[in-house]
Every structure is written in structure tokens, then in C-alpha cells.
């Protein structure tokens, strides 16, 4: 394995456990990045020759190397991939009694750039780094050995791949279903695989959906940015009086409505499941003007801050959407407010809520502070991997 040399003083963060090496941290005189092939395994050393770890390189990416082992000269071969994937599988088997979960979560499972979601006999993969892309066949062989999946979807139409200089493409292996059914929190959901968002389902919100549903009994529920209705349909199954779904996608609101009806047929019979398709900001204003109020509001917007340079504009969007939602929350009602932007600190999201409540001359009691589920493990030395925030709070007037 070739050596990737760091500039003086650029080893501190890595020795503290971080896995990413940036291009400006590399000694280009001793180890010019152009000399490495995308995905090539290297040994990373500090300016004095001290060993840091084994990594794979991509000279075309801002993050030019990603550590996958602290052992010297350790190739990322089929044996190590098998070891990492088996460890990931063992953890999920301890967490869940059914094969529906995120099986591999990139850096959290020491496989940077590899995402695998498991839907029973089907697997959806995202290979977001050159290091994983060049090892595609070894990864597929390990998964076949460990799980014998009936079908796989390589869901690689990703912006991250463009940043890595990789083609954006989807590959189907076996009879990949258009939609499938999955169990979660005592409900059954239909989720779109081929034309859905991300990998088809957001397993990371499983715990937060369950927690929010504790406050659903007898409540009129509003699920904003609902996708397939994970929050609202779980609330419907847990005693909600009615549920209203909002999303810009016609497919999403159709799925959300049908998932709610399946899990709470009494609401369907009472015509108490409503769907609104359009811009969430506009629809929330219209609901407020119509005098609508809700006892439980679930707000799970897309990432308004995808890049650090968008932080100011994205923060303004979080403030606005939380303010609009709080206007619709009935006295004594509960709101679950989420953010999947890792550039938005948890304290900022909490501040968005407290500011919105202050404008309503109300106070909020924080009932729950959550994050991503344990099948999306956070790397302890990488705050970037703790992306999901969820605050559940009660309005106290």
C-alpha cells in the first residue's frame, strides 16, 4: 500500500478518532493526490512518519481519504468487508426481531460511504464513495453469503456520488419490487422502493414516531412533510381522532392516506383522514386562516441546510416553518419538531421552537429530545454523523 503523508499538525483530529482527511491536510510534495487511483487503499502517516490508519483515497473529492481501520497496511478486502458487515448484522439482530432496519450506516459501522437498508428479503444499497464503489462486487458477494437476498437495488442516483466523480445510476439485481410492506411500531406500511425518497423509508425516525404517538389519543393530528405517513399513520393507530397529511408529492399523500386507513380503519370509515398536496408553508397559512387547530403536530421537513454556506437561509426556513406550525397547535397540544440537517445544531432547533412559542405568548414543556435510531449509529468522534434531531414539546398557555 502506498503512503498518504499529512502536513505537520494535521493528525490531531484523526488521532482523536475522526475518519476524514481533507485535501489541504495532505503533504502534496511527498504524496501528490494525483498519484492515487480513486478508491485505492493507502496507509496514512503524520509528518514525522507516525502511523495513523488505513484509508481509501479519492483525489477528486474534498474529503480525499476516509479511514476504515487503525491497523497498519490493512487492505479493505473481502475479509474485512465481511467482518464489518457481520458485526453490523449482529448489532441489528440484537435490536430488532424482524429483518426491517438499516443494516449498515457508513462511518457509524466503519464502512464510510456504504448505506444498506434491509426490507425483509430485499436490500437497498447506496455506494456514496469511490472506496465503496470499486469494491461493489466484494460487497455484493458478502451480502449474498450473509443474507441471501432475493433482490437488491443499488440506489446510486446520489449527489454525493457526483462530488466523488462517480456516475449517478440505479442498478436492479433480481426482482426488485415497486412497493413493499414493512412493519414498524405495531403498524404495517407500504413504502415505495423504486420511486420513493432516499432508500424508500426513513428508518431513522422509528423511535421518534413511537414517542410522538404516545400523545395521539383523542387528538386531531397534523403530519407535515408526511412522505408515506410514518408519523401520522402511527398516531392514527394509537387513538387519534383525525389525521391530516401535508406533502408536495401526490404519491406521498396518497401513500400516507392509504397507510393511515390500513392501520386505523375506524378513521377511514369516519372520513377522518385528510390529505393536502402542495407547498407546506402556503398550506399551513391557509389552515391558520381557516381557524384550524390540532392537538398533535408532527413536523419533519427535508434538510433545509444541505451545505454549510446555506446555513443562514436554511435557519430562516426552520424558524418560519416552526412558527407556522406553532400557530396551529391547540393549547395543551403537543408538537414533534425534527431536523435532518447535520449543519443545524440541536440547540438551534430548540431555539426555533421557543421563539415561535414566545410569539404566541405561550410556553413549551420539553417532553422528549431524540435523534436517529440505534440502527443509524453515531460515530462518537464525528459529530457530523449525529444528523437527526427531534424535540417533542407540549404547549402550555
Protein backbone atom coordinates (compact mmCIF):
# COMPACT_ATOMS: atom_id res chain seq x y z
CA UNK A 1 0.00 0.00 0.00
CA UNK A 2 1.21 3.49 -0.83
CA UNK A 3 1.53 6.11 1.90
CA UNK A 4 -0.54 9.27 2.23
CA UNK A 5 1.52 11.82 4.14
CA UNK A 6 -0.09 14.54 6.25
CA UNK A 7 1.13 18.06 6.79
CA UNK A 8 2.54 18.97 10.18
CA UNK A 9 -0.13 19.16 12.89
CA UNK A 10 -2.91 17.69 10.74
CA UNK A 11 -3.04 14.41 12.63
CA UNK A 12 -4.68 15.63 15.86
CA UNK A 13 -8.30 15.26 14.77
CA UNK A 14 -7.60 11.84 13.24
CA UNK A 15 -5.81 10.59 16.35
CA UNK A 16 -8.87 11.67 18.34
CA UNK A 17 -10.92 9.23 16.26
CA UNK A 18 -12.19 11.18 13.26
CA UNK A 19 -12.17 9.30 9.94
CA UNK A 20 -11.94 12.03 7.29
CA UNK A 21 -8.83 13.51 5.69
CA UNK A 22 -9.25 16.74 3.69
CA UNK A 23 -7.14 17.63 0.68
CA UNK A 24 -5.48 20.63 2.33
CA UNK A 25 -4.23 18.38 5.14
CA UNK A 26 -2.12 16.26 2.77
CA UNK A 27 1.58 16.89 2.06
CA UNK A 28 1.30 17.17 -1.70
CA UNK A 29 5.05 17.17 -2.13
CA UNK A 30 5.60 13.78 -0.52
CA UNK A 31 2.32 12.24 -1.65
CA UNK A 32 0.64 14.13 -4.51
CA UNK A 33 -3.02 13.19 -4.65
CA UNK A 34 -2.90 12.80 -8.41
CA UNK A 35 -0.64 9.77 -7.88
CA UNK A 36 -3.50 7.79 -6.32
CA UNK A 37 -6.35 6.00 -8.05
CA UNK A 38 -9.90 6.67 -6.82
CA UNK A 39 -10.74 4.08 -4.15
CA UNK A 40 -7.14 2.97 -3.67
CA UNK A 41 -6.22 1.74 -0.17
CA UNK A 42 -3.35 3.65 1.49
CA UNK A 43 -1.53 3.93 4.78
CA UNK A 44 -1.93 7.35 6.40
CA UNK A 45 1.07 8.76 8.29
CA UNK A 46 1.74 12.03 10.07
CA UNK A 47 4.55 14.42 9.15
CA UNK A 48 7.00 12.56 11.42
CA UNK A 49 6.15 9.14 10.00
CA UNK A 50 3.81 8.05 12.78
CA UNK A 51 1.11 5.65 11.63
CA UNK A 52 -2.49 6.91 11.71
CA UNK A 53 -4.52 4.24 9.96
CA UNK A 54 -5.56 2.61 6.71
CA UNK A 55 -7.84 4.55 4.40
CA UNK A 56 -9.14 4.68 0.86
CA UNK A 57 -8.39 7.71 -1.28
CA UNK A 58 -10.26 9.77 -3.81
CA UNK A 59 -8.12 12.57 -5.28
CA UNK A 60 -11.25 14.13 -6.88
CA UNK A 61 -13.08 14.72 -3.59
CA UNK A 62 -12.76 17.45 -0.95
CA UNK A 63 -12.67 14.61 1.57
CA UNK A 64 -9.70 12.99 -0.11
CA UNK A 65 -9.34 9.98 2.22
CA UNK A 66 -11.53 8.10 4.67
CA UNK A 67 -10.11 5.85 7.36
CA UNK A 68 -11.63 2.41 7.74
CA UNK A 69 -9.05 0.77 10.06
CA UNK A 70 -6.47 1.73 12.68
CA UNK A 71 -4.35 -1.29 11.77
CA UNK A 72 -1.25 -0.70 9.62
CA UNK A 73 -1.36 -1.58 5.92
CA UNK A 74 -4.81 -3.21 6.23
CA UNK A 75 -6.48 -3.62 2.85
CA UNK A 76 -10.23 -3.16 2.59
CA UNK A 77 -10.67 -6.62 1.11
CA UNK A 78 -13.49 -9.16 1.17
CA UNK A 79 -12.40 -10.47 4.58
CA UNK A 80 -12.59 -7.06 6.26
CA UNK A 81 -15.86 -6.21 4.50
CA UNK A 82 -17.32 -9.49 5.70
CA UNK A 83 -16.12 -8.82 9.24
CA UNK A 84 -17.62 -5.31 9.29
CA UNK A 85 -20.95 -6.39 7.76
CA UNK A 86 -21.26 -9.37 10.09
CA UNK A 87 -20.71 -7.08 13.10
CA UNK A 88 -23.33 -4.67 11.75
CA UNK A 89 -25.80 -7.53 11.25
CA UNK A 90 -25.21 -8.87 14.77
CA UNK A 91 -26.00 -5.46 16.26
CA UNK A 92 -29.26 -5.14 14.31
CA UNK A 93 -30.26 -8.68 15.22
CA UNK A 94 -29.94 -7.71 18.88
CA UNK A 95 -32.03 -4.59 18.29
CA UNK A 96 -34.88 -5.95 16.17
CA UNK A 97 -36.81 -9.20 15.99
CA UNK A 98 -37.70 -8.69 12.32
CA UNK A 99 -35.41 -8.05 9.32
CA UNK A 100 -36.51 -4.45 8.71
CA UNK A 101 -33.84 -1.91 9.61
CA UNK A 102 -30.77 -0.04 8.41
CA UNK A 103 -28.14 -2.73 8.16
CA UNK A 104 -25.11 -0.51 7.53
CA UNK A 105 -24.73 3.18 8.30
CA UNK A 106 -21.46 4.33 6.78
CA UNK A 107 -18.96 5.74 9.25
CA UNK A 108 -21.06 4.52 12.18
CA UNK A 109 -20.27 0.96 11.06
CA UNK A 110 -16.69 1.80 9.98
CA UNK A 111 -17.61 1.48 6.29
CA UNK A 112 -17.52 5.10 5.08
CA UNK A 113 -19.97 5.77 2.27
CA UNK A 114 -21.87 2.46 2.46
CA UNK A 115 -25.57 2.59 3.30
CA UNK A 116 -27.69 -0.58 3.33
CA UNK A 117 -31.37 -0.70 4.23
CA UNK A 118 -32.96 -4.09 4.79
CA UNK A 119 -36.57 -4.74 3.85
CA UNK A 120 -37.05 -8.43 4.58
CA UNK A 121 -35.59 -10.31 1.60
CA UNK A 122 -34.79 -7.10 -0.27
CA UNK A 123 -31.77 -4.83 0.24
CA UNK A 124 -31.28 -1.26 -0.97
CA UNK A 125 -27.68 -0.06 -1.16
CA UNK A 126 -26.11 3.34 -1.64
CA UNK A 127 -22.41 3.46 -2.52
CA UNK A 128 -21.53 7.08 -1.84
CA UNK A 129 -17.72 6.93 -2.04
CA UNK A 130 -15.18 5.75 -4.57
CA UNK A 131 -13.74 3.39 -1.97
CA UNK A 132 -17.04 1.53 -1.76
CA UNK A 133 -17.84 1.78 -5.44
CA UNK A 134 -14.68 -0.01 -6.56
CA UNK A 135 -15.46 -2.79 -4.06
CA UNK A 136 -19.02 -3.26 -5.26
CA UNK A 137 -18.64 -6.90 -6.24
CA UNK A 138 -16.99 -7.84 -2.94
CA UNK A 139 -19.82 -6.11 -1.03
CA UNK A 140 -22.48 -7.92 -3.03
CA UNK A 141 -20.72 -11.26 -2.53
CA UNK A 142 -20.55 -10.69 1.26
CA UNK A 143 -24.25 -9.80 1.41
CA UNK A 144 -25.16 -12.86 -0.61
CA UNK A 145 -23.16 -15.01 1.79
CA UNK A 146 -24.64 -13.41 4.93
CA UNK A 147 -28.27 -12.88 3.91
CA UNK A 148 -29.05 -14.47 0.51
CA UNK A 149 -31.29 -11.55 -0.53
CA UNK A 150 -33.97 -12.13 -3.15
CA UNK A 151 -33.28 -8.74 -4.75
CA UNK A 152 -31.04 -5.71 -4.44
CA UNK A 153 -31.37 -2.12 -5.57
CA UNK A 154 -28.19 -0.08 -5.99
CA UNK A 155 -29.79 3.30 -5.39
CA UNK A 156 -26.87 5.35 -6.66
CA UNK A 157 -28.54 8.42 -8.15
CA UNK A 158 -26.91 10.47 -5.40
CA UNK A 159 -25.50 13.98 -5.26
CA UNK A 160 -22.71 12.56 -3.06
CA UNK A 161 -21.54 10.39 -5.94
CA UNK A 162 -21.22 13.41 -8.20
CA UNK A 163 -18.96 15.03 -5.58
CA UNK A 164 -16.85 11.86 -5.69
CA UNK A 165 -16.64 11.93 -9.50
CA UNK A 166 -18.84 8.83 -9.79
CA UNK A 167 -21.75 8.26 -12.19
CA UNK A 168 -25.27 8.66 -10.84
CA UNK A 169 -27.13 5.50 -11.74
CA UNK A 170 -29.50 2.89 -10.36
CA UNK A 171 -28.94 -0.82 -10.83
CA UNK A 172 -31.55 -3.52 -10.16
CA UNK A 173 -30.45 -7.05 -9.27
CA UNK A 174 -33.22 -9.63 -9.11
CA UNK A 175 -36.99 -8.95 -8.97
CA UNK A 176 -36.94 -5.60 -7.14
CA UNK A 177 -40.50 -4.76 -6.00
CA UNK A 178 -42.03 -1.41 -6.89
CA UNK A 179 -43.50 -1.22 -3.40
CA UNK A 180 -43.26 -3.42 -0.36
CA UNK A 181 -44.76 -3.74 3.07
CA UNK A 182 -42.84 -3.29 6.28
CA UNK A 183 -43.74 -3.49 9.98
CA UNK A 184 -42.95 -0.69 12.38
CA UNK A 185 -44.23 0.15 15.85
CA UNK A 186 -47.14 -2.25 15.52
CA UNK A 187 -48.22 -0.86 12.13
CA UNK A 188 -47.80 -2.10 8.57
CA UNK A 189 -46.64 0.43 5.98
CA UNK A 190 -46.48 0.34 2.20
CA UNK A 191 -43.27 2.02 1.06
CA UNK A 192 -42.07 2.84 -2.47
CA UNK A 193 -38.68 1.42 -3.39
CA UNK A 194 -38.09 2.39 -7.00
CA UNK A 195 -39.54 5.89 -6.97
CA UNK A 196 -39.53 6.83 -3.29
CA UNK A 197 -37.36 9.25 -1.34
CA UNK A 198 -33.89 8.17 -0.20
CA UNK A 199 -33.90 4.36 0.09
CA UNK A 200 -37.70 4.18 0.27
CA UNK A 201 -38.28 4.51 4.00
CA UNK A 202 -36.87 6.59 6.85
CA UNK A 203 -35.96 4.01 9.47
CA UNK A 204 -34.11 6.68 11.46
CA UNK A 205 -37.39 8.14 12.81
CA UNK A 206 -38.75 4.86 14.17
CA UNK A 207 -38.20 5.73 17.85
CA UNK A 208 -39.43 9.32 17.47
CA UNK A 209 -42.59 8.19 15.68
CA UNK A 210 -43.34 5.82 18.54
CA UNK A 211 -42.71 8.54 21.11
CA UNK A 212 -44.92 11.10 19.34
CA UNK A 213 -47.77 8.56 19.09
CA UNK A 214 -47.98 8.48 22.89
CA UNK A 215 -49.81 11.81 22.67
CA UNK A 216 -52.20 10.85 19.85
CA UNK A 217 -55.16 9.63 21.89
CA UNK A 218 -58.24 11.75 21.05
CA UNK A 219 -56.17 14.32 19.15
CA UNK A 220 -56.62 15.87 15.75
CA UNK A 221 -53.22 15.17 14.20
CA UNK A 222 -51.32 17.14 11.53
CA UNK A 223 -48.41 15.40 9.77
CA UNK A 224 -46.36 17.99 7.83
CA UNK A 225 -43.92 16.81 5.12
CA UNK A 226 -45.55 13.45 5.70
CA UNK A 227 -43.91 11.33 2.95
CA UNK A 228 -45.62 7.91 3.37
CA UNK A 229 -47.27 8.91 6.63
CA UNK A 230 -44.92 7.40 9.21
CA UNK A 231 -45.79 9.87 11.97
CA UNK A 232 -49.46 10.40 11.15
CA UNK A 233 -50.41 6.79 10.48
CA UNK A 234 -48.69 5.66 13.70
CA UNK A 235 -50.66 8.34 15.55
CA UNK A 236 -53.86 7.18 13.83
CA UNK A 237 -53.25 3.62 15.01
CA UNK A 238 -52.76 4.93 18.55
CA UNK A 239 -56.13 6.59 19.03
CA UNK A 240 -56.07 9.84 17.06
CA UNK A 241 -59.49 11.41 16.39
CA UNK A 242 -58.45 12.55 12.90
CA UNK A 243 -55.28 12.89 10.86
CA UNK A 244 -54.33 15.38 8.16
CA UNK A 245 -51.33 14.83 5.90
CA UNK A 246 -49.38 17.53 4.04
CA UNK A 247 -46.78 16.92 1.34
CA UNK A 248 -45.79 18.42 -2.01
CA UNK A 249 -45.76 14.95 -3.61
CA UNK A 250 -49.06 13.48 -4.84
CA UNK A 251 -47.60 9.99 -4.43
CA UNK A 252 -46.63 10.76 -0.82
CA UNK A 253 -50.05 11.98 0.29
CA UNK A 254 -51.73 9.06 -1.50
CA UNK A 255 -49.48 6.61 0.33
CA UNK A 256 -49.91 8.41 3.64
CA UNK A 257 -53.68 8.31 3.36
CA UNK A 258 -53.77 4.63 2.46
CA UNK A 259 -51.30 3.73 5.22
CA UNK A 260 -53.45 5.56 7.77
CA UNK A 261 -56.60 3.84 6.53
CA UNK A 262 -54.94 0.45 6.73
CA UNK A 263 -53.74 0.94 10.28
CA UNK A 264 -56.79 2.83 11.56
CA UNK A 265 -59.83 1.64 9.55
CA UNK A 266 -62.17 3.36 12.01
CA UNK A 267 -60.82 6.74 10.83
CA UNK A 268 -61.33 5.80 7.20
CA UNK A 269 -64.92 4.78 7.97
CA UNK A 270 -65.47 8.11 9.75
CA UNK A 271 -63.95 10.07 6.83
CA UNK A 272 -61.39 11.43 9.31
CA UNK A 273 -58.28 11.02 7.12
CA UNK A 274 -57.47 14.12 5.07
CA UNK A 275 -54.68 14.79 2.57
CA UNK A 276 -53.41 18.16 1.33
CA UNK A 277 -50.95 18.27 -1.56
CA UNK A 278 -48.92 21.42 -2.07
CA UNK A 279 -46.37 23.77 -0.56
CA UNK A 280 -46.34 23.23 3.21
CA UNK A 281 -45.68 26.90 4.02
CA UNK A 282 -48.71 28.02 2.00
CA UNK A 283 -50.97 25.25 3.31
CA UNK A 284 -50.13 26.00 6.94
CA UNK A 285 -51.07 29.65 6.41
CA UNK A 286 -54.37 28.57 4.86
CA UNK A 287 -55.15 26.24 7.75
CA UNK A 288 -54.44 29.06 10.21
CA UNK A 289 -56.67 31.49 8.34
CA UNK A 290 -59.42 28.84 8.37
CA UNK A 291 -59.16 28.62 12.16
CA UNK A 292 -57.91 25.03 12.25
CA UNK A 293 -56.16 23.79 15.38
CA UNK A 294 -54.52 20.44 16.14
CA UNK A 295 -53.73 18.53 19.30
CA UNK A 296 -50.65 16.80 17.85
CA UNK A 297 -48.43 18.22 15.12
CA UNK A 298 -45.56 16.26 13.56
CA UNK A 299 -43.10 18.40 11.60
CA UNK A 300 -40.39 16.51 9.72
CA UNK A 301 -39.10 18.78 6.92
CA UNK A 302 -36.39 17.96 4.39
CA UNK A 303 -32.88 19.18 5.08
CA UNK A 304 -33.10 22.95 4.67
CA UNK A 305 -29.34 23.22 5.25
CA UNK A 306 -27.52 20.82 2.94
CA UNK A 307 -24.27 22.81 2.82
CA UNK A 308 -22.63 24.99 5.43
CA UNK A 309 -22.86 28.04 3.18
CA UNK A 310 -26.67 27.66 3.20
CA UNK A 311 -26.87 27.87 7.00
CA UNK A 312 -28.39 31.37 7.28
CA UNK A 313 -31.05 30.77 4.64
CA UNK A 314 -31.84 27.31 5.99
CA UNK A 315 -32.12 28.52 9.58
CA UNK A 316 -34.63 31.14 8.43
CA UNK A 317 -36.70 28.36 6.83
CA UNK A 318 -36.65 26.30 10.05
CA UNK A 319 -37.75 29.34 12.04
CA UNK A 320 -40.60 30.07 9.64
CA UNK A 321 -41.96 26.53 9.38
CA UNK A 322 -41.87 26.06 13.16
CA UNK A 323 -43.64 29.39 13.68
CA UNK A 324 -46.35 28.43 11.19
CA UNK A 325 -46.80 25.05 12.87
CA UNK A 326 -46.98 26.53 16.39
CA UNK A 327 -49.81 28.84 15.24
CA UNK A 328 -51.88 25.71 14.60
CA UNK A 329 -51.15 23.97 17.90
CA UNK A 330 -54.07 23.98 20.30
CA UNK A 331 -53.49 24.88 23.99
CA UNK A 332 -52.20 21.77 25.71
CA UNK A 333 -51.29 20.26 22.35
CA UNK A 334 -48.02 18.52 21.52
CA UNK A 335 -45.58 19.18 18.68
CA UNK A 336 -42.80 16.91 17.41
CA UNK A 337 -40.32 19.11 15.53
CA UNK A 338 -37.46 17.49 13.62
CA UNK A 339 -34.42 18.37 11.54
CA UNK A 340 -32.21 16.07 9.49
CA UNK A 341 -29.66 18.82 8.70
CA UNK A 342 -26.43 17.98 10.46
CA UNK A 343 -25.42 21.64 9.96
CA UNK A 344 -28.27 22.69 12.30
CA UNK A 345 -27.24 22.21 15.96
CA UNK A 346 -29.87 20.79 18.27
CA UNK A 347 -29.88 23.98 20.35
CA UNK A 348 -30.79 25.99 17.25
CA UNK A 349 -33.80 23.79 16.55
CA UNK A 350 -34.90 24.10 20.18
CA UNK A 351 -34.49 27.87 19.90
CA UNK A 352 -36.71 27.88 16.78
CA UNK A 353 -39.43 26.27 18.86
CA UNK A 354 -39.04 28.55 21.87
CA UNK A 355 -39.05 31.67 19.67
CA UNK A 356 -42.22 30.53 17.92
CA UNK A 357 -43.91 29.81 21.24
CA UNK A 358 -42.93 33.21 22.62
CA UNK A 359 -44.60 34.91 19.65
CA UNK A 360 -47.77 33.01 20.55
CA UNK A 361 -47.44 34.16 24.19
CA UNK A 362 -47.15 30.51 25.14
CA UNK A 363 -44.57 28.32 26.81
CA UNK A 364 -43.38 24.89 25.79
CA UNK A 365 -42.68 21.95 28.05
CA UNK A 366 -40.00 19.74 26.53
CA UNK A 367 -41.09 16.12 26.83
CA UNK A 368 -38.55 14.30 24.66
CA UNK A 369 -35.25 15.03 22.95
CA UNK A 370 -34.43 12.35 20.39
CA UNK A 371 -32.18 11.58 17.48
CA UNK A 372 -31.68 8.84 14.95
CA UNK A 373 -32.44 5.26 15.93
CA UNK A 374 -29.71 2.83 17.05
CA UNK A 375 -29.57 1.20 13.61
CA UNK A 376 -28.13 4.57 12.48
CA UNK A 377 -25.19 4.57 14.93
CA UNK A 378 -23.34 7.82 15.56
CA UNK A 379 -19.55 7.68 15.38
CA UNK A 380 -18.50 9.07 18.76
CA UNK A 381 -15.64 11.13 17.29
CA UNK A 382 -17.67 12.51 14.39
CA UNK A 383 -20.43 14.97 15.28
CA UNK A 384 -21.25 15.08 11.56
CA UNK A 385 -22.82 11.63 11.88
CA UNK A 386 -25.35 12.82 14.52
CA UNK A 387 -27.61 14.48 11.99
CA UNK A 388 -31.18 13.86 13.22
CA UNK A 389 -32.82 15.95 15.95
CA UNK A 390 -36.35 15.62 17.32
CA UNK A 391 -37.92 17.68 20.09
CA UNK A 392 -41.37 16.78 21.39
CA UNK A 393 -42.95 19.56 23.44
CA UNK A 394 -46.34 20.49 24.91
CA UNK A 395 -47.86 23.91 24.57
CA UNK A 396 -48.61 25.44 27.98
CA UNK A 397 -50.65 28.66 27.80
